Amino acid sequence: MQRMKRVFSFSTKDITISAMVAALYTVLAFVFAPISFGPVQFRVSEALTLLPFCLPQTVPGLFVGCLISNIIGGFGIIDIVFGSAATLAAAIITAKMPNVWLAALPPVVVNALVVGFYIAILSSTPIIPCMLYIGAGQAGVCFLIGVPLVTALQRSNFIKKYI
């Protein structure tokens, strides 16, 4: 019982960090709205999905940020449920990866398969090309923005100093 309590307890600092990530994810999704939604997307906010690699407490914030973004600008209830769940699953897997390069793979693969599938159906786009478009956009965001972001955070000692 004691172990379970420890796994599900979050400090005020953890909740604050997670809330800041949720807000940042949502803001980035809407600042870049023209390229954040649709069968071909480059959702800049998805670069934050690498944060659980070094900050596992950001997982709930990523889920909430994606949920809010999909409620306001997504493809309806399917996107709200499955898109947010895909981001949550990818974030959980990312937190368990052994290095930052492998940490970029779960958001790419999970979103390519899950989001690519339902967006193809909702937008009448062929499934395989849609999965490839979503995967390519995710790969671009995660490897070109997410990996450098996490690497810079780790090198700057920001995490050790403030978190």
C-alpha atoms as a PDB file:
ATOM      1  CA  MET A   1       0.000   0.000   0.000  1.00  0.00           C
ATOM      2  CA  GLN A   2       2.845   2.371   0.833  1.00  0.00           C
ATOM      3  CA  ARG A   3       4.481   1.880  -2.599  1.00  0.00           C
ATOM      4  CA  MET A   4       1.228   2.585  -4.443  1.00  0.00           C
ATOM      5  CA  LYS A   5       0.771   5.829  -2.535  1.00  0.00           C
ATOM      6  CA  ARG A   6       4.284   6.966  -3.477  1.00  0.00           C
ATOM      7  CA  VAL A   7       3.775   6.200  -7.203  1.00  0.00           C
ATOM      8  CA  PHE A   8       0.603   8.274  -7.418  1.00  0.00           C
ATOM      9  CA  SER A   9       1.645  11.198  -5.267  1.00  0.00           C
ATOM     10  CA  PHE A  10       2.715  14.458  -6.849  1.00  0.00           C
ATOM     11  CA  SER A  11       4.284  17.397  -5.104  1.00  0.00           C
ATOM     12  CA  THR A  12       3.060  20.933  -5.576  1.00  0.00           C
ATOM     13  CA  LYS A  13       6.146  21.537  -7.703  1.00  0.00           C
ATOM     14  CA  ASP A  14       5.287  18.535  -9.934  1.00  0.00           C
ATOM     15  CA  ILE A  15       1.718  19.747 -10.414  1.00  0.00           C
ATOM     16  CA  THR A  16       2.954  23.260 -11.210  1.00  0.00           C
ATOM     17  CA  ILE A  17       5.451  21.965 -13.773  1.00  0.00           C
ATOM     18  CA  SER A  18       2.806  19.766 -15.344  1.00  0.00           C
ATOM     19  CA  ALA A  19       0.340  22.663 -15.520  1.00  0.00           C
ATOM     20  CA  MET A  20       2.959  24.886 -17.155  1.00  0.00           C
ATOM     21  CA  VAL A  21       3.612  22.193 -19.772  1.00  0.00           C
ATOM     22  CA  ALA A  22      -0.145  21.868 -20.422  1.00  0.00           C
ATOM     23  CA  ALA A  23      -0.404  25.632 -20.924  1.00  0.00           C
ATOM     24  CA  LEU A  24       2.689  25.768 -23.141  1.00  0.00           C
ATOM     25  CA  TYR A  25       1.472  22.821 -25.256  1.00  0.00           C
ATOM     26  CA  THR A  26      -1.908  24.517 -25.769  1.00  0.00           C
ATOM     27  CA  VAL A  27      -0.400  27.902 -26.615  1.00  0.00           C
ATOM     28  CA  LEU A  28       2.048  26.390 -29.117  1.00  0.00           C
ATOM     29  CA  ALA A  29      -0.737  24.392 -30.779  1.00  0.00           C
ATOM     30  CA  PHE A  30      -2.703  27.581 -31.380  1.00  0.00           C
ATOM     31  CA  VAL A  31       0.142  29.926 -32.228  1.00  0.00           C
ATOM     32  CA  PHE A  32       0.981  27.440 -34.973  1.00  0.00           C
ATOM     33  CA  ALA A  33      -2.663  26.425 -35.620  1.00  0.00           C
ATOM     34  CA  PRO A  34      -2.449  26.415 -39.437  1.00  0.00           C
ATOM     35  CA  ILE A  35       0.123  23.619 -39.283  1.00  0.00           C
ATOM     36  CA  SER A  36      -1.061  21.950 -36.041  1.00  0.00           C
ATOM     37  CA  PHE A  37      -4.218  20.230 -37.271  1.00  0.00           C
ATOM     38  CA  GLY A  38      -5.160  18.128 -40.292  1.00  0.00           C
ATOM     39  CA  PRO A  39      -3.927  15.190 -42.359  1.00  0.00           C
ATOM     40  CA  VAL A  40      -0.594  16.912 -42.926  1.00  0.00           C
ATOM     41  CA  GLN A  41       0.578  18.517 -39.699  1.00  0.00           C
ATOM     42  CA  PHE A  42       3.689  19.827 -38.029  1.00  0.00           C
ATOM     43  CA  ARG A  43       2.398  20.314 -34.481  1.00  0.00           C
ATOM     44  CA  VAL A  44       5.254  22.212 -32.839  1.00  0.00           C
ATOM     45  CA  SER A  45       3.775  21.568 -29.390  1.00  0.00           C
ATOM     46  CA  GLU A  46       4.509  17.851 -29.867  1.00  0.00           C
ATOM     47  CA  ALA A  47       8.211  18.652 -29.362  1.00  0.00           C
ATOM     48  CA  LEU A  48       7.290  18.824 -25.675  1.00  0.00           C
ATOM     49  CA  THR A  49       6.427  15.101 -25.729  1.00  0.00           C
ATOM     50  CA  LEU A  50      10.124  14.415 -25.158  1.00  0.00           C
ATOM     51  CA  LEU A  51      10.073  16.160 -21.778  1.00  0.00           C
ATOM     52  CA  PRO A  52       9.028  12.992 -19.883  1.00  0.00           C
ATOM     53  CA  PHE A  53      12.419  11.549 -20.772  1.00  0.00           C
ATOM     54  CA  CYS A  54      14.005  13.880 -18.212  1.00  0.00           C
ATOM     55  CA  LEU A  55      10.896  15.151 -16.392  1.00  0.00           C
ATOM     56  CA  PRO A  56       8.386  12.313 -15.890  1.00  0.00           C
ATOM     57  CA  GLN A  57       6.074  14.640 -13.977  1.00  0.00           C
ATOM     58  CA  THR A  58       5.233  16.367 -17.284  1.00  0.00           C
ATOM     59  CA  VAL A  59       3.196  13.370 -18.535  1.00  0.00           C
ATOM     60  CA  PRO A  60      -0.168  14.618 -17.153  1.00  0.00           C
ATOM     61  CA  GLY A  61       0.503  18.105 -18.507  1.00  0.00           C
ATOM     62  CA  LEU A  62       1.134  16.792 -21.997  1.00  0.00           C
ATOM     63  CA  PHE A  63      -2.125  14.862 -21.866  1.00  0.00           C
ATOM     64  CA  VAL A  64      -4.105  17.878 -20.628  1.00  0.00           C
ATOM     65  CA  GLY A  65      -2.467  20.236 -23.144  1.00  0.00           C
ATOM     66  CA  CYS A  66      -3.256  17.890 -26.014  1.00  0.00           C
ATOM     67  CA  LEU A  67      -6.788  17.373 -24.717  1.00  0.00           C
ATOM     68  CA  ILE A  68      -7.471  21.130 -24.558  1.00  0.00           C
ATOM     69  CA  SER A  69      -5.923  21.654 -27.999  1.00  0.00           C
ATOM     70  CA  ASN A  70      -8.030  18.891 -29.515  1.00  0.00           C
ATOM     71  CA  ILE A  71     -11.210  20.152 -27.839  1.00  0.00           C
ATOM     72  CA  ILE A  72     -10.746  23.620 -29.286  1.00  0.00           C
ATOM     73  CA  GLY A  73      -9.221  22.946 -32.687  1.00  0.00           C
ATOM     74  CA  GLY A  74      -9.212  19.269 -33.499  1.00  0.00           C
ATOM     75  CA  PHE A  75     -11.344  16.788 -35.386  1.00  0.00           C
ATOM     76  CA  GLY A  76     -14.079  16.398 -32.775  1.00  0.00           C
ATOM     77  CA  ILE A  77     -14.678  13.713 -30.188  1.00  0.00           C
ATOM     78  CA  ILE A  78     -12.548  11.088 -31.952  1.00  0.00           C
ATOM     79  CA  ASP A  79      -9.552  13.431 -31.903  1.00  0.00           C
ATOM     80  CA  ILE A  80     -10.265  14.466 -28.324  1.00  0.00           C
ATOM     81  CA  VAL A  81     -10.326  10.857 -27.105  1.00  0.00           C
ATOM     82  CA  PHE A  82      -7.839   9.044 -29.339  1.00  0.00           C
ATOM     83  CA  GLY A  83      -5.429  11.910 -30.067  1.00  0.00           C
ATOM     84  CA  SER A  84      -5.105  12.774 -26.395  1.00  0.00           C
ATOM     85  CA  ALA A  85      -4.770   9.092 -25.467  1.00  0.00           C
ATOM     86  CA  ALA A  86      -2.035   8.688 -28.116  1.00  0.00           C
ATOM     87  CA  THR A  87      -0.085  11.597 -26.621  1.00  0.00           C
ATOM     88  CA  LEU A  88      -0.539  10.148 -23.125  1.00  0.00           C
ATOM     89  CA  ALA A  89       0.647   6.681 -24.211  1.00  0.00           C
ATOM     90  CA  ALA A  90       3.628   8.129 -26.086  1.00  0.00           C
ATOM     91  CA  ALA A  91       4.601  10.282 -23.078  1.00  0.00           C
ATOM     92  CA  ILE A  92       4.480   7.308 -20.714  1.00  0.00           C
ATOM     93  CA  ILE A  93       6.653   5.224 -23.038  1.00  0.00           C
ATOM     94  CA  THR A  94       9.032   8.158 -23.603  1.00  0.00           C
ATOM     95  CA  ALA A  95       9.631   8.429 -19.844  1.00  0.00           C
ATOM     96  CA  LYS A  96      11.019   4.878 -19.899  1.00  0.00           C
ATOM     97  CA  MET A  97      13.436   5.289 -22.821  1.00  0.00           C
ATOM     98  CA  PRO A  98      17.204   4.882 -22.216  1.00  0.00           C
ATOM     99  CA  ASN A  99      18.365   7.887 -24.268  1.00  0.00           C
ATOM    100  CA  VAL A 100      16.977  11.032 -25.852  1.00  0.00           C
ATOM    101  CA  TRP A 101      17.171   9.688 -29.424  1.00  0.00           C
ATOM    102  CA  LEU A 102      15.081   6.653 -28.562  1.00  0.00           C
ATOM    103  CA  ALA A 103      12.799   8.886 -26.492  1.00  0.00           C
ATOM    104  CA  ALA A 104      11.796  10.647 -29.715  1.00  0.00           C
ATOM    105  CA  LEU A 105      10.459   7.429 -31.251  1.00  0.00           C
ATOM    106  CA  PRO A 106       7.301   6.762 -29.170  1.00  0.00           C
ATOM    107  CA  PRO A 107       5.592  10.066 -30.087  1.00  0.00           C
ATOM    108  CA  VAL A 108       6.442   9.497 -33.753  1.00  0.00           C
ATOM    109  CA  VAL A 109       5.290   5.883 -33.954  1.00  0.00           C
ATOM    110  CA  VAL A 110       2.221   6.126 -31.703  1.00  0.00           C
ATOM    111  CA  ASN A 111       0.908   9.280 -33.357  1.00  0.00           C
ATOM    112  CA  ALA A 112       1.658   8.054 -36.872  1.00  0.00           C
ATOM    113  CA  LEU A 113      -0.367   4.896 -36.252  1.00  0.00           C
ATOM    114  CA  VAL A 114      -3.205   6.184 -34.057  1.00  0.00           C
ATOM    115  CA  VAL A 115      -3.693   9.754 -35.289  1.00  0.00           C
ATOM    116  CA  GLY A 116      -2.804   8.865 -38.864  1.00  0.00           C
ATOM    117  CA  PHE A 117      -5.469   6.135 -38.879  1.00  0.00           C
ATOM    118  CA  TYR A 118      -8.414   8.146 -37.605  1.00  0.00           C
ATOM    119  CA  ILE A 119      -7.539  11.349 -39.456  1.00  0.00           C
ATOM    120  CA  ALA A 120      -7.369   9.328 -42.679  1.00  0.00           C
ATOM    121  CA  ILE A 121     -10.880   8.079 -42.042  1.00  0.00           C
ATOM    122  CA  LEU A 122     -12.239  11.475 -40.951  1.00  0.00           C
ATOM    123  CA  SER A 123     -10.639  13.348 -43.866  1.00  0.00           C
ATOM    124  CA  SER A 124     -11.148  10.666 -46.548  1.00  0.00           C
ATOM    125  CA  THR A 125      -7.391  10.474 -47.071  1.00  0.00           C
ATOM    126  CA  PRO A 126      -5.773   7.118 -47.891  1.00  0.00           C
ATOM    127  CA  ILE A 127      -4.632   5.524 -44.614  1.00  0.00           C
ATOM    128  CA  ILE A 128      -0.987   4.692 -45.394  1.00  0.00           C
ATOM    129  CA  PRO A 129      -0.128   8.140 -46.833  1.00  0.00           C
ATOM    130  CA  CYS A 130      -1.906   9.827 -43.908  1.00  0.00           C
ATOM    131  CA  MET A 131       0.072   7.754 -41.385  1.00  0.00           C
ATOM    132  CA  LEU A 132       3.266   8.648 -43.244  1.00  0.00           C
ATOM    133  CA  TYR A 133       2.353  12.371 -43.279  1.00  0.00           C
ATOM    134  CA  ILE A 134       1.587  12.380 -39.552  1.00  0.00           C
ATOM    135  CA  GLY A 135       4.723  10.333 -38.815  1.00  0.00           C
ATOM    136  CA  ALA A 136       6.916  12.631 -40.919  1.00  0.00           C
ATOM    137  CA  GLY A 137       5.556  15.730 -39.167  1.00  0.00           C
ATOM    138  CA  GLN A 138       6.054  14.102 -35.765  1.00  0.00           C
ATOM    139  CA  ALA A 139       9.574  13.011 -36.674  1.00  0.00           C
ATOM    140  CA  GLY A 140      10.435  16.524 -37.789  1.00  0.00           C
ATOM    141  CA  VAL A 141       9.104  18.094 -34.611  1.00  0.00           C
ATOM    142  CA  CYS A 142      10.529  15.486 -32.228  1.00  0.00           C
ATOM    143  CA  PHE A 143      13.975  15.121 -33.763  1.00  0.00           C
ATOM    144  CA  LEU A 144      14.528  18.707 -34.954  1.00  0.00           C
ATOM    145  CA  ILE A 145      13.005  20.551 -31.983  1.00  0.00           C
ATOM    146  CA  GLY A 146      12.375  18.044 -29.163  1.00  0.00           C
ATOM    147  CA  VAL A 147      15.791  16.360 -29.054  1.00  0.00           C
ATOM    148  CA  PRO A 148      17.704  19.686 -29.066  1.00  0.00           C
ATOM    149  CA  LEU A 149      15.297  21.084 -26.442  1.00  0.00           C
ATOM    150  CA  VAL A 150      15.807  18.159 -24.046  1.00  0.00           C
ATOM    151  CA  THR A 151      19.549  18.057 -24.723  1.00  0.00           C
ATOM    152  CA  ALA A 152      19.831  21.784 -23.974  1.00  0.00           C
ATOM    153  CA  LEU A 153      17.807  21.390 -20.762  1.00  0.00           C
ATOM    154  CA  GLN A 154      20.083  18.577 -19.611  1.00  0.00           C
ATOM    155  CA  ARG A 155      23.311  20.398 -20.490  1.00  0.00           C
ATOM    156  CA  SER A 156      22.241  23.653 -18.877  1.00  0.00           C
ATOM    157  CA  ASN A 157      21.646  21.937 -15.518  1.00  0.00           C
ATOM    158  CA  PHE A 158      18.266  23.707 -15.478  1.00  0.00           C
ATOM    159  CA  ILE A 159      16.564  20.527 -14.333  1.00  0.00           C
ATOM    160  CA  LYS A 160      18.973  19.910 -11.457  1.00  0.00           C
ATOM    161  CA  LYS A 161      18.997  23.535 -10.383  1.00  0.00           C
ATOM    162  CA  TYR A 162      15.274  24.367 -10.508  1.00  0.00           C
ATOM    163  CA  ILE A 163      13.356  21.124 -10.601  1.00  0.00           C
END
